[in-house]
Amino acid sequence: MKIRKYRSEDINRMTEIWNEVVNDGTAFPQEEMLNCETGAEFFASQSFCGVAEDENGIIKGLYILHPNNVGRCGHICNASYAVSSDSRGLHIGEKLVLDSMRAGKELGFSVLQFNAVVESNTHARHLYERIGFHQLGVIPNGFRMKDGHFENICPYYIEL
């Protein structure tokens, strides 16, 4: 599995994987699905997008990286990760997180912050904590799940 910068020919697969996570309704705040056109615009608007590609050239996951804020807080970046459902449990997410930290530092960011990690997303939370991220607290009922109930979110950060 290698992580590399995305290319235009990756957009369809990236959009499929992204939409799968959005449709799950348990991790991303987005509710609108991307199509080829909106996906190309969305991924092009990021500071960096990385993809996880297997030995057969199949995209299994991706991440987006962008500023978390502007101006005096512009040194803090934010990232989101998506792994195809048939590839979860293979530690692809860890490779994506570590690569996003490298890319963030190369782009001049000094902090990576996650704003809305759903408290029940224990796999992601354990990964972040194992890597060295710090939880900032808990925002009660900060995330509306697909079925309409609310769950707490846990912001995290790490210095790059």
N, C-alpha and C. Protein backbone atom coordinates (compact mmCIF):
# COMPACT_ATOMS: atom_id res chain seq x y z
N MET A 1 0.86 -1.18 0.00
CA MET A 1 0.00 0.00 0.00
C MET A 1 0.90 1.23 0.00
N LYS A 2 0.70 2.09 -0.97
CA LYS A 2 1.46 3.34 -0.98
C LYS A 2 0.49 4.51 -0.93
N ILE A 3 0.95 5.59 -0.33
CA ILE A 3 0.18 6.83 -0.26
C ILE A 3 0.84 7.81 -1.22
N ARG A 4 0.04 8.40 -2.07
CA ARG A 4 0.58 9.36 -3.05
C ARG A 4 -0.43 10.49 -3.25
N LYS A 5 0.05 11.55 -3.87
CA LYS A 5 -0.83 12.67 -4.23
C LYS A 5 -1.84 12.19 -5.28
N TYR A 6 -3.06 12.66 -5.14
CA TYR A 6 -4.09 12.23 -6.10
C TYR A 6 -3.83 12.82 -7.48
N ARG A 7 -4.39 12.13 -8.48
CA ARG A 7 -4.33 12.57 -9.87
C ARG A 7 -5.76 12.66 -10.40
N SER A 8 -5.95 13.36 -11.48
CA SER A 8 -7.30 13.56 -12.02
C SER A 8 -7.98 12.24 -12.34
N GLU A 9 -7.23 11.24 -12.75
CA GLU A 9 -7.86 9.95 -13.06
C GLU A 9 -8.34 9.20 -11.81
N ASP A 10 -8.00 9.69 -10.63
CA ASP A 10 -8.44 9.09 -9.37
C ASP A 10 -9.80 9.60 -8.91
N ILE A 11 -10.30 10.68 -9.52
CA ILE A 11 -11.49 11.38 -9.01
C ILE A 11 -12.70 10.46 -8.87
N ASN A 12 -12.98 9.64 -9.87
CA ASN A 12 -14.16 8.78 -9.78
C ASN A 12 -14.10 7.86 -8.57
N ARG A 13 -12.97 7.20 -8.37
CA ARG A 13 -12.84 6.28 -7.23
C ARG A 13 -12.85 7.05 -5.91
N MET A 14 -12.18 8.20 -5.86
CA MET A 14 -12.19 9.02 -4.65
C MET A 14 -13.61 9.43 -4.30
N THR A 15 -14.38 9.82 -5.31
CA THR A 15 -15.76 10.24 -5.11
C THR A 15 -16.60 9.08 -4.58
N GLU A 16 -16.40 7.88 -5.13
CA GLU A 16 -17.12 6.69 -4.64
C GLU A 16 -16.85 6.45 -3.16
N ILE A 17 -15.58 6.48 -2.78
CA ILE A 17 -15.20 6.21 -1.39
C ILE A 17 -15.74 7.31 -0.48
N TRP A 18 -15.58 8.56 -0.90
CA TRP A 18 -16.08 9.69 -0.10
C TRP A 18 -17.58 9.56 0.13
N ASN A 19 -18.31 9.29 -0.95
CA ASN A 19 -19.76 9.17 -0.86
C ASN A 19 -20.18 8.00 0.03
N GLU A 20 -19.41 6.94 0.03
CA GLU A 20 -19.73 5.81 0.90
C GLU A 20 -19.70 6.23 2.37
N VAL A 21 -18.71 7.02 2.76
CA VAL A 21 -18.61 7.49 4.14
C VAL A 21 -19.73 8.49 4.44
N VAL A 22 -19.98 9.41 3.51
CA VAL A 22 -21.07 10.37 3.71
C VAL A 22 -22.40 9.62 3.87
N ASN A 23 -22.63 8.63 3.03
CA ASN A 23 -23.88 7.88 3.08
C ASN A 23 -24.02 7.09 4.38
N ASP A 24 -22.91 6.62 4.95
CA ASP A 24 -22.96 5.93 6.24
C ASP A 24 -23.57 6.82 7.31
N GLY A 25 -23.28 8.13 7.23
CA GLY A 25 -23.87 9.10 8.14
C GLY A 25 -23.41 9.02 9.58
N THR A 26 -22.20 8.49 9.80
CA THR A 26 -21.70 8.33 11.17
C THR A 26 -20.36 9.00 11.43
N ALA A 27 -19.78 9.65 10.42
CA ALA A 27 -18.45 10.22 10.62
C ALA A 27 -18.27 11.61 9.99
N PHE A 28 -18.72 11.83 8.77
CA PHE A 28 -18.53 13.11 8.10
C PHE A 28 -19.73 14.01 8.34
N PRO A 29 -19.50 15.32 8.50
CA PRO A 29 -20.64 16.23 8.66
C PRO A 29 -21.40 16.47 7.36
N GLN A 30 -20.78 16.21 6.22
CA GLN A 30 -21.44 16.44 4.94
C GLN A 30 -22.65 15.53 4.78
N GLU A 31 -23.66 16.03 4.08
CA GLU A 31 -24.85 15.23 3.77
C GLU A 31 -25.07 15.09 2.27
N GLU A 32 -24.48 15.97 1.49
CA GLU A 32 -24.64 15.95 0.04
C GLU A 32 -23.60 15.03 -0.59
N MET A 33 -24.05 14.23 -1.53
CA MET A 33 -23.15 13.36 -2.28
C MET A 33 -22.43 14.17 -3.35
N LEU A 34 -21.23 13.73 -3.66
CA LEU A 34 -20.47 14.33 -4.75
C LEU A 34 -20.76 13.58 -6.04
N ASN A 35 -20.66 14.28 -7.16
CA ASN A 35 -20.66 13.61 -8.46
C ASN A 35 -19.29 13.86 -9.08
N CYS A 36 -19.07 13.42 -10.29
CA CYS A 36 -17.74 13.59 -10.89
C CYS A 36 -17.32 15.05 -10.95
N GLU A 37 -18.25 15.93 -11.30
CA GLU A 37 -17.93 17.35 -11.42
C GLU A 37 -17.69 17.99 -10.06
N THR A 38 -18.62 17.80 -9.13
CA THR A 38 -18.46 18.42 -7.80
C THR A 38 -17.31 17.77 -7.04
N GLY A 39 -17.07 16.48 -7.28
CA GLY A 39 -15.93 15.81 -6.66
C GLY A 39 -14.61 16.39 -7.13
N ALA A 40 -14.50 16.61 -8.44
CA ALA A 40 -13.27 17.20 -8.98
C ALA A 40 -13.03 18.59 -8.39
N GLU A 41 -14.09 19.39 -8.29
CA GLU A 41 -13.96 20.73 -7.70
C GLU A 41 -13.58 20.65 -6.21
N PHE A 42 -14.26 19.77 -5.49
CA PHE A 42 -14.01 19.62 -4.05
C PHE A 42 -12.56 19.20 -3.78
N PHE A 43 -12.10 18.16 -4.44
CA PHE A 43 -10.74 17.68 -4.18
C PHE A 43 -9.70 18.69 -4.65
N ALA A 44 -9.96 19.40 -5.74
CA ALA A 44 -9.02 20.42 -6.23
C ALA A 44 -8.93 21.61 -5.28
N SER A 45 -9.97 21.85 -4.49
CA SER A 45 -9.98 23.00 -3.58
C SER A 45 -9.19 22.76 -2.29
N GLN A 46 -8.74 21.55 -2.06
CA GLN A 46 -7.99 21.23 -0.84
C GLN A 46 -6.53 21.67 -0.98
N SER A 47 -5.86 21.83 0.14
CA SER A 47 -4.43 22.11 0.11
C SER A 47 -3.66 20.90 -0.39
N PHE A 48 -4.15 19.71 -0.05
CA PHE A 48 -3.51 18.46 -0.48
C PHE A 48 -4.53 17.34 -0.35
N CYS A 49 -4.49 16.42 -1.29
CA CYS A 49 -5.26 15.18 -1.20
C CYS A 49 -4.31 14.02 -1.45
N GLY A 50 -4.35 13.06 -0.56
CA GLY A 50 -3.56 11.85 -0.73
C GLY A 50 -4.47 10.65 -0.92
N VAL A 51 -4.00 9.67 -1.67
CA VAL A 51 -4.76 8.44 -1.87
C VAL A 51 -3.89 7.25 -1.47
N ALA A 52 -4.56 6.22 -0.94
CA ALA A 52 -3.91 4.95 -0.63
C ALA A 52 -4.17 4.02 -1.80
N GLU A 53 -3.09 3.59 -2.43
CA GLU A 53 -3.19 2.76 -3.63
C GLU A 53 -2.56 1.40 -3.34
N ASP A 54 -3.27 0.32 -3.66
CA ASP A 54 -2.70 -1.01 -3.41
C ASP A 54 -1.75 -1.41 -4.54
N GLU A 55 -1.18 -2.61 -4.43
CA GLU A 55 -0.17 -3.07 -5.39
C GLU A 55 -0.75 -3.25 -6.80
N ASN A 56 -2.09 -3.30 -6.91
CA ASN A 56 -2.74 -3.41 -8.22
C ASN A 56 -3.20 -2.07 -8.78
N GLY A 57 -2.84 -0.98 -8.09
CA GLY A 57 -3.22 0.35 -8.54
C GLY A 57 -4.64 0.74 -8.19
N ILE A 58 -5.29 0.00 -7.27
CA ILE A 58 -6.66 0.29 -6.85
C ILE A 58 -6.64 1.23 -5.66
N ILE A 59 -7.39 2.32 -5.74
CA ILE A 59 -7.49 3.28 -4.64
C ILE A 59 -8.38 2.67 -3.56
N LYS A 60 -7.84 2.58 -2.34
CA LYS A 60 -8.55 1.98 -1.21
C LYS A 60 -8.96 3.01 -0.16
N GLY A 61 -8.38 4.20 -0.23
CA GLY A 61 -8.70 5.24 0.73
C GLY A 61 -8.11 6.57 0.30
N LEU A 62 -8.47 7.61 1.04
CA LEU A 62 -8.00 8.95 0.70
C LEU A 62 -8.05 9.85 1.92
N TYR A 63 -7.38 10.97 1.80
CA TYR A 63 -7.56 12.05 2.78
C TYR A 63 -7.53 13.39 2.08
N ILE A 64 -8.18 14.35 2.75
CA ILE A 64 -8.12 15.74 2.32
C ILE A 64 -7.47 16.53 3.43
N LEU A 65 -6.73 17.56 3.08
CA LEU A 65 -6.03 18.41 4.04
C LEU A 65 -6.21 19.85 3.62
N HIS A 66 -6.54 20.71 4.57
CA HIS A 66 -6.79 22.12 4.28
C HIS A 66 -6.65 22.94 5.57
N PRO A 67 -6.57 24.26 5.45
CA PRO A 67 -6.52 25.09 6.66
C PRO A 67 -7.78 24.88 7.50
N ASN A 68 -7.60 24.87 8.80
CA ASN A 68 -8.74 24.77 9.72
C ASN A 68 -9.38 26.14 9.93
N ASN A 69 -8.59 27.20 9.72
CA ASN A 69 -9.08 28.55 9.94
C ASN A 69 -8.23 29.48 9.09
N VAL A 70 -8.35 30.76 9.30
CA VAL A 70 -7.63 31.76 8.50
C VAL A 70 -6.81 32.67 9.40
N GLY A 71 -6.01 33.51 8.77
CA GLY A 71 -5.29 34.57 9.48
C GLY A 71 -4.43 34.06 10.63
N ARG A 72 -4.68 34.57 11.81
CA ARG A 72 -3.86 34.24 12.98
C ARG A 72 -3.96 32.78 13.40
N CYS A 73 -4.92 32.08 12.84
CA CYS A 73 -5.06 30.63 13.11
C CYS A 73 -4.78 29.80 11.86
N GLY A 74 -4.24 30.44 10.83
CA GLY A 74 -3.99 29.77 9.56
C GLY A 74 -2.89 28.72 9.59
N HIS A 75 -2.16 28.63 10.70
CA HIS A 75 -1.10 27.62 10.82
C HIS A 75 -1.65 26.26 11.27
N ILE A 76 -2.97 26.22 11.53
CA ILE A 76 -3.61 24.97 11.97
C ILE A 76 -4.35 24.38 10.77
N CYS A 77 -4.08 23.11 10.52
CA CYS A 77 -4.77 22.44 9.41
C CYS A 77 -5.78 21.44 9.95
N ASN A 78 -6.61 20.95 9.05
CA ASN A 78 -7.65 19.99 9.35
C ASN A 78 -7.61 18.93 8.27
N ALA A 79 -7.99 17.72 8.61
CA ALA A 79 -7.99 16.64 7.62
C ALA A 79 -9.20 15.74 7.84
N SER A 80 -9.59 15.06 6.78
CA SER A 80 -10.63 14.04 6.84
C SER A 80 -10.12 12.82 6.08
N TYR A 81 -10.54 11.65 6.54
CA TYR A 81 -10.04 10.39 6.01
C TYR A 81 -11.21 9.50 5.60
N ALA A 82 -11.06 8.80 4.50
CA ALA A 82 -12.09 7.88 4.04
C ALA A 82 -11.41 6.62 3.51
N VAL A 83 -11.87 5.47 4.00
CA VAL A 83 -11.37 4.18 3.54
C VAL A 83 -12.57 3.38 3.04
N SER A 84 -12.41 2.73 1.90
CA SER A 84 -13.51 1.94 1.35
C SER A 84 -13.91 0.85 2.34
N SER A 85 -15.20 0.55 2.38
CA SER A 85 -15.70 -0.41 3.38
C SER A 85 -15.06 -1.78 3.23
N ASP A 86 -14.69 -2.17 2.03
CA ASP A 86 -14.07 -3.48 1.84
C ASP A 86 -12.60 -3.51 2.22
N SER A 87 -12.06 -2.37 2.65
CA SER A 87 -10.64 -2.29 3.00
C SER A 87 -10.42 -1.85 4.45
N ARG A 88 -11.48 -1.72 5.21
CA ARG A 88 -11.33 -1.29 6.61
C ARG A 88 -10.72 -2.42 7.43
N GLY A 89 -9.97 -2.04 8.44
CA GLY A 89 -9.30 -3.02 9.29
C GLY A 89 -7.92 -3.41 8.79
N LEU A 90 -7.46 -2.80 7.72
CA LEU A 90 -6.14 -3.12 7.14
C LEU A 90 -5.08 -2.08 7.47
N HIS A 91 -5.37 -1.19 8.40
CA HIS A 91 -4.46 -0.13 8.86
C HIS A 91 -4.18 0.93 7.80
N ILE A 92 -5.07 1.04 6.83
CA ILE A 92 -4.92 2.07 5.80
C ILE A 92 -5.14 3.44 6.42
N GLY A 93 -6.09 3.55 7.33
CA GLY A 93 -6.35 4.82 8.00
C GLY A 93 -5.11 5.36 8.69
N GLU A 94 -4.38 4.48 9.36
CA GLU A 94 -3.15 4.91 10.04
C GLU A 94 -2.14 5.47 9.05
N LYS A 95 -1.98 4.80 7.92
CA LYS A 95 -1.04 5.30 6.90
C LYS A 95 -1.49 6.66 6.37
N LEU A 96 -2.80 6.83 6.19
CA LEU A 96 -3.32 8.11 5.72
C LEU A 96 -3.09 9.22 6.73
N VAL A 97 -3.34 8.94 8.02
CA VAL A 97 -3.13 9.95 9.06
C VAL A 97 -1.66 10.36 9.11
N LEU A 98 -0.77 9.38 9.13
CA LEU A 98 0.67 9.69 9.20
C LEU A 98 1.12 10.48 7.99
N ASP A 99 0.62 10.14 6.81
CA ASP A 99 1.00 10.89 5.62
C ASP A 99 0.44 12.31 5.66
N SER A 100 -0.78 12.47 6.19
CA SER A 100 -1.35 13.82 6.29
C SER A 100 -0.54 14.69 7.24
N MET A 101 0.01 14.09 8.27
CA MET A 101 0.87 14.84 9.19
C MET A 101 2.14 15.30 8.47
N ARG A 102 2.72 14.43 7.67
CA ARG A 102 3.91 14.78 6.88
C ARG A 102 3.57 15.89 5.90
N ALA A 103 2.47 15.72 5.17
CA ALA A 103 2.08 16.72 4.16
C ALA A 103 1.76 18.05 4.82
N GLY A 104 1.06 18.03 5.94
CA GLY A 104 0.74 19.27 6.66
C GLY A 104 1.99 20.02 7.05
N LYS A 105 2.96 19.30 7.58
CA LYS A 105 4.22 19.94 7.98
C LYS A 105 4.94 20.51 6.76
N GLU A 106 4.96 19.76 5.67
CA GLU A 106 5.62 20.24 4.44
C GLU A 106 4.94 21.49 3.89
N LEU A 107 3.65 21.60 4.10
CA LEU A 107 2.91 22.78 3.63
C LEU A 107 3.01 23.97 4.58
N GLY A 108 3.71 23.80 5.70
CA GLY A 108 3.93 24.90 6.62
C GLY A 108 2.97 24.98 7.79
N PHE A 109 2.10 23.99 7.93
CA PHE A 109 1.21 23.95 9.09
C PHE A 109 1.99 23.44 10.30
N SER A 110 1.62 23.89 11.50
CA SER A 110 2.30 23.42 12.70
C SER A 110 1.40 22.63 13.64
N VAL A 111 0.10 22.61 13.36
CA VAL A 111 -0.86 21.86 14.18
C VAL A 111 -1.87 21.22 13.24
N LEU A 112 -2.25 19.98 13.55
CA LEU A 112 -3.34 19.30 12.85
C LEU A 112 -4.47 19.12 13.86
N GLN A 113 -5.65 19.62 13.53
CA GLN A 113 -6.78 19.57 14.45
C GLN A 113 -7.96 18.88 13.77
N PHE A 114 -8.61 18.01 14.53
CA PHE A 114 -9.86 17.38 14.09
C PHE A 114 -10.98 18.00 14.90
N ASN A 115 -11.95 18.58 14.23
CA ASN A 115 -13.02 19.32 14.90
C ASN A 115 -14.16 18.45 15.39
N ALA A 116 -14.43 17.35 14.71
CA ALA A 116 -15.69 16.65 14.98
C ALA A 116 -15.52 15.13 14.90
N VAL A 117 -14.70 14.57 15.78
CA VAL A 117 -14.58 13.12 15.84
C VAL A 117 -15.74 12.60 16.70
N VAL A 118 -16.59 11.79 16.11
CA VAL A 118 -17.76 11.28 16.83
C VAL A 118 -17.27 10.36 17.95
N GLU A 119 -17.80 10.59 19.15
CA GLU A 119 -17.35 9.86 20.34
C GLU A 119 -17.44 8.34 20.17
N SER A 120 -18.45 7.86 19.48
CA SER A 120 -18.62 6.42 19.30
C SER A 120 -17.69 5.83 18.24
N ASN A 121 -16.91 6.66 17.54
CA ASN A 121 -15.97 6.19 16.54
C ASN A 121 -14.68 5.75 17.24
N THR A 122 -14.80 4.65 17.98
CA THR A 122 -13.70 4.22 18.86
C THR A 122 -12.45 3.82 18.10
N HIS A 123 -12.60 3.24 16.91
CA HIS A 123 -11.42 2.84 16.14
C HIS A 123 -10.58 4.06 15.79
N ALA A 124 -11.22 5.11 15.29
CA ALA A 124 -10.49 6.33 14.94
C ALA A 124 -9.89 6.97 16.19
N ARG A 125 -10.64 7.04 17.26
CA ARG A 125 -10.15 7.68 18.48
C ARG A 125 -8.95 6.94 19.04
N HIS A 126 -8.98 5.62 19.06
CA HIS A 126 -7.83 4.85 19.54
C HIS A 126 -6.61 5.08 18.65
N LEU A 127 -6.83 5.13 17.35
CA LEU A 127 -5.73 5.40 16.42
C LEU A 127 -5.11 6.76 16.71
N TYR A 128 -5.93 7.79 16.81
CA TYR A 128 -5.41 9.14 17.05
C TYR A 128 -4.63 9.19 18.36
N GLU A 129 -5.16 8.60 19.38
CA GLU A 129 -4.50 8.63 20.69
C GLU A 129 -3.20 7.84 20.65
N ARG A 130 -3.16 6.70 19.94
CA ARG A 130 -1.94 5.92 19.83
C ARG A 130 -0.84 6.71 19.10
N ILE A 131 -1.24 7.50 18.10
CA ILE A 131 -0.27 8.30 17.34
C ILE A 131 0.24 9.48 18.17
N GLY A 132 -0.54 9.94 19.14
CA GLY A 132 -0.10 11.04 19.98
C GLY A 132 -1.00 12.26 19.97
N PHE A 133 -2.18 12.17 19.36
CA PHE A 133 -3.13 13.27 19.38
C PHE A 133 -3.67 13.46 20.80
N HIS A 134 -4.04 14.69 21.11
CA HIS A 134 -4.61 15.03 22.41
C HIS A 134 -6.08 15.42 22.22
N GLN A 135 -6.93 14.86 23.07
CA GLN A 135 -8.34 15.22 23.03
C GLN A 135 -8.52 16.55 23.74
N LEU A 136 -9.30 17.45 23.13
CA LEU A 136 -9.52 18.78 23.68
C LEU A 136 -10.72 18.86 24.62
N GLY A 137 -11.53 17.85 24.66
CA GLY A 137 -12.74 17.86 25.48
C GLY A 137 -13.85 17.13 24.78
N VAL A 138 -15.07 17.44 25.14
CA VAL A 138 -16.25 16.82 24.54
C VAL A 138 -17.27 17.91 24.26
N ILE A 139 -17.84 17.88 23.08
CA ILE A 139 -18.95 18.79 22.74
C ILE A 139 -20.22 17.94 22.76
N PRO A 140 -21.06 18.16 23.77
CA PRO A 140 -22.26 17.32 23.91
C PRO A 140 -23.19 17.46 22.71
N ASN A 141 -23.62 16.32 22.21
CA ASN A 141 -24.61 16.28 21.12
C ASN A 141 -24.19 17.11 19.91
N GLY A 142 -22.91 17.11 19.60
CA GLY A 142 -22.41 17.94 18.51
C GLY A 142 -22.55 17.35 17.12
N PHE A 143 -22.96 16.10 17.02
CA PHE A 143 -23.05 15.44 15.71
C PHE A 143 -24.40 14.77 15.57
N ARG A 144 -25.10 15.09 14.49
CA ARG A 144 -26.38 14.45 14.20
C ARG A 144 -26.12 13.24 13.31
N MET A 145 -26.41 12.08 13.83
CA MET A 145 -26.22 10.83 13.09
C MET A 145 -27.28 10.72 11.99
N LYS A 146 -27.06 9.81 11.06
CA LYS A 146 -27.97 9.63 9.93
C LYS A 146 -29.39 9.33 10.38
N ASP A 147 -29.52 8.59 11.48
CA ASP A 147 -30.87 8.24 11.95
C ASP A 147 -31.53 9.35 12.76
N GLY A 148 -30.83 10.49 12.92
CA GLY A 148 -31.41 11.66 13.58
C GLY A 148 -31.02 11.85 15.03
N HIS A 149 -30.48 10.84 15.69
CA HIS A 149 -30.08 11.06 17.09
C HIS A 149 -28.72 11.76 17.14
N PHE A 150 -28.44 12.38 18.26
CA PHE A 150 -27.21 13.16 18.41
C PHE A 150 -26.19 12.41 19.26
N GLU A 151 -24.93 12.58 18.90
CA GLU A 151 -23.83 12.00 19.68
C GLU A 151 -22.80 13.09 19.96
N ASN A 152 -22.03 12.86 20.99
CA ASN A 152 -20.97 13.79 21.37
C ASN A 152 -19.85 13.75 20.32
N ILE A 153 -19.16 14.88 20.20
CA ILE A 153 -17.94 14.91 19.40
C ILE A 153 -16.76 15.27 20.28
N CYS A 154 -15.60 14.79 19.86
CA CYS A 154 -14.36 14.96 20.62
C CYS A 154 -13.31 15.58 19.71
N PRO A 155 -13.04 16.86 19.84
CA PRO A 155 -11.98 17.48 19.04
C PRO A 155 -10.60 16.95 19.48
N TYR A 156 -9.71 16.80 18.54
CA TYR A 156 -8.34 16.33 18.80
C TYR A 156 -7.35 17.26 18.09
N TYR A 157 -6.10 17.26 18.60
CA TYR A 157 -5.04 18.00 17.90
C TYR A 157 -3.70 17.31 18.16
N ILE A 158 -2.74 17.61 17.29
CA ILE A 158 -1.36 17.20 17.47
C ILE A 158 -0.48 18.28 16.87
N GLU A 159 0.64 18.54 17.50
CA GLU A 159 1.63 19.46 16.93
C GLU A 159 2.45 18.70 15.90
N LEU A 160 2.68 19.35 14.77
CA LEU A 160 3.43 18.71 13.67
C LEU A 160 4.91 19.02 13.76
